[in-house]
């Protein structure tokens, strides 16, 4: 079964940076487009950015600040977040980016941006 474990979150000030990592196991990782999602309290999961075989897709709210990358040899996907804002505060998860929907949500990582 799929296991997704995200890490690298923390508490930073406005304008700070964080690099998140996600390890995927139990799947042929290279076959899948992957995305980073976030969930703020009371909200549903929101796609932040995805990386597909044809490139990357950014949401308007993070374009220019966040960068996604992946290392298929390590079954890992990364999210470099710069110029963080308080509204970026959420729990961040990686998951597949697919019309079939996400796999079961794994362990997320808390990102808190103070003003």
Protein backbone atom coordinates (compact mmCIF):
# COMPACT_ATOMS: atom_id res chain seq x y z
CA UNK A 1 0.00 0.00 0.00
CA UNK A 2 1.00 3.59 -0.52
CA UNK A 3 2.80 5.36 2.28
CA UNK A 4 3.50 9.08 2.11
CA UNK A 5 5.55 10.83 4.76
CA UNK A 6 6.14 14.58 4.61
CA UNK A 7 8.67 16.47 6.70
CA UNK A 8 10.55 19.74 6.97
CA UNK A 9 7.86 22.03 8.31
CA UNK A 10 8.30 24.45 11.15
CA UNK A 11 7.74 27.95 12.45
CA UNK A 12 9.14 30.81 10.40
CA UNK A 13 8.60 34.54 10.15
CA UNK A 14 6.99 36.30 7.22
CA UNK A 15 9.44 36.35 4.34
CA UNK A 16 11.24 33.23 5.52
CA UNK A 17 11.90 29.99 3.70
CA UNK A 18 11.38 26.29 4.26
CA UNK A 19 12.12 23.17 2.26
CA UNK A 20 9.69 20.31 2.59
CA UNK A 21 10.43 16.72 1.67
CA UNK A 22 8.14 13.79 1.04
CA UNK A 23 9.02 10.13 0.80
CA UNK A 24 6.72 7.77 -1.05
CA UNK A 25 6.79 4.00 -0.73
CA UNK A 26 4.70 1.12 -1.96
CA UNK A 27 4.29 2.54 -5.48
CA UNK A 28 6.12 2.83 -8.78
CA UNK A 29 6.81 6.46 -7.97
CA UNK A 30 8.12 7.48 -11.36
CA UNK A 31 4.78 6.60 -12.95
CA UNK A 32 2.88 9.31 -11.14
CA UNK A 33 2.48 13.03 -11.32
CA UNK A 34 2.90 14.33 -7.80
CA UNK A 35 1.64 17.37 -6.01
CA UNK A 36 1.97 19.27 -2.80
CA UNK A 37 -1.29 20.06 -1.05
CA UNK A 38 -2.09 21.99 2.07
CA UNK A 39 -4.92 22.05 4.53
CA UNK A 40 -5.61 25.00 6.77
CA UNK A 41 -7.90 24.55 9.79
CA UNK A 42 -11.51 24.20 8.71
CA UNK A 43 -10.60 23.94 5.04
CA UNK A 44 -10.31 21.14 2.53
CA UNK A 45 -7.05 20.06 0.98
CA UNK A 46 -5.84 22.60 -1.57
CA UNK A 47 -3.43 21.88 -4.41
CA UNK A 48 -0.37 24.09 -4.10
CA UNK A 49 1.74 22.82 -6.97
CA UNK A 50 2.08 19.70 -9.09
CA UNK A 51 4.85 18.18 -11.15
CA UNK A 52 3.94 16.10 -14.16
CA UNK A 53 5.82 14.54 -17.04
CA UNK A 54 5.22 17.70 -19.05
CA UNK A 55 6.27 20.21 -16.43
CA UNK A 56 4.99 21.91 -13.35
CA UNK A 57 1.67 23.49 -12.52
CA UNK A 58 1.53 26.18 -9.91
CA UNK A 59 -1.43 27.73 -8.21
CA UNK A 60 -1.67 31.48 -8.64
CA UNK A 61 -1.14 32.07 -4.95
CA UNK A 62 2.23 30.34 -4.86
CA UNK A 63 3.66 30.91 -8.31
CA UNK A 64 7.00 32.63 -8.12
CA UNK A 65 7.47 31.74 -4.46
CA UNK A 66 7.30 27.95 -4.36
CA UNK A 67 9.27 25.43 -6.40
CA UNK A 68 8.54 21.74 -6.67
CA UNK A 69 11.09 19.12 -7.65
CA UNK A 70 11.42 15.36 -7.50
CA UNK A 71 14.08 12.68 -7.38
CA UNK A 72 12.68 9.50 -8.85
CA UNK A 73 15.76 7.53 -7.80
CA UNK A 74 14.90 8.25 -4.17
CA UNK A 75 11.09 8.23 -4.45
CA UNK A 76 11.07 11.76 -3.11
CA UNK A 77 9.40 15.04 -3.94
CA UNK A 78 10.44 18.42 -2.54
CA UNK A 79 8.87 21.82 -2.06
CA UNK A 80 11.07 24.87 -1.69
CA UNK A 81 9.01 27.69 -0.21
CA UNK A 82 10.31 31.24 -0.23
CA UNK A 83 8.79 34.58 0.74
CA UNK A 84 6.39 32.84 3.07
CA UNK A 85 3.26 34.64 4.20
CA UNK A 86 0.97 34.07 7.20
CA UNK A 87 -1.70 32.79 4.83
CA UNK A 88 0.63 29.95 3.87
CA UNK A 89 0.13 28.51 7.36
CA UNK A 90 -1.27 24.99 7.00
CA UNK A 91 -0.43 21.32 7.18
CA UNK A 92 1.35 20.33 3.97
CA UNK A 93 1.05 16.94 2.31
CA UNK A 94 2.33 15.30 -0.81
CA UNK A 95 0.08 13.07 -2.88
CA UNK A 96 -0.46 12.08 -6.45
CA UNK A 97 -1.90 14.59 -8.88
CA UNK A 98 -4.48 12.54 -10.76
CA UNK A 99 -8.01 12.65 -12.17
CA UNK A 100 -8.53 9.54 -10.04
CA UNK A 101 -8.08 11.61 -6.92
CA UNK A 102 -5.49 11.37 -4.17
CA UNK A 103 -4.27 8.30 -2.37
CA UNK A 104 -5.11 8.11 1.36
CA UNK A 105 -3.50 11.09 3.01
CA UNK A 106 -0.28 10.24 4.79
CA UNK A 107 1.66 12.15 7.40
CA UNK A 108 1.70 15.87 6.77
CA UNK A 109 4.02 18.52 8.09
CA UNK A 110 2.94 21.70 9.85
CA UNK A 111 4.05 25.03 8.43
CA UNK A 112 3.39 28.08 10.56
CA UNK A 113 4.28 31.56 9.35
CA UNK A 114 4.21 34.31 11.93
CA UNK A 115 3.55 37.92 11.05
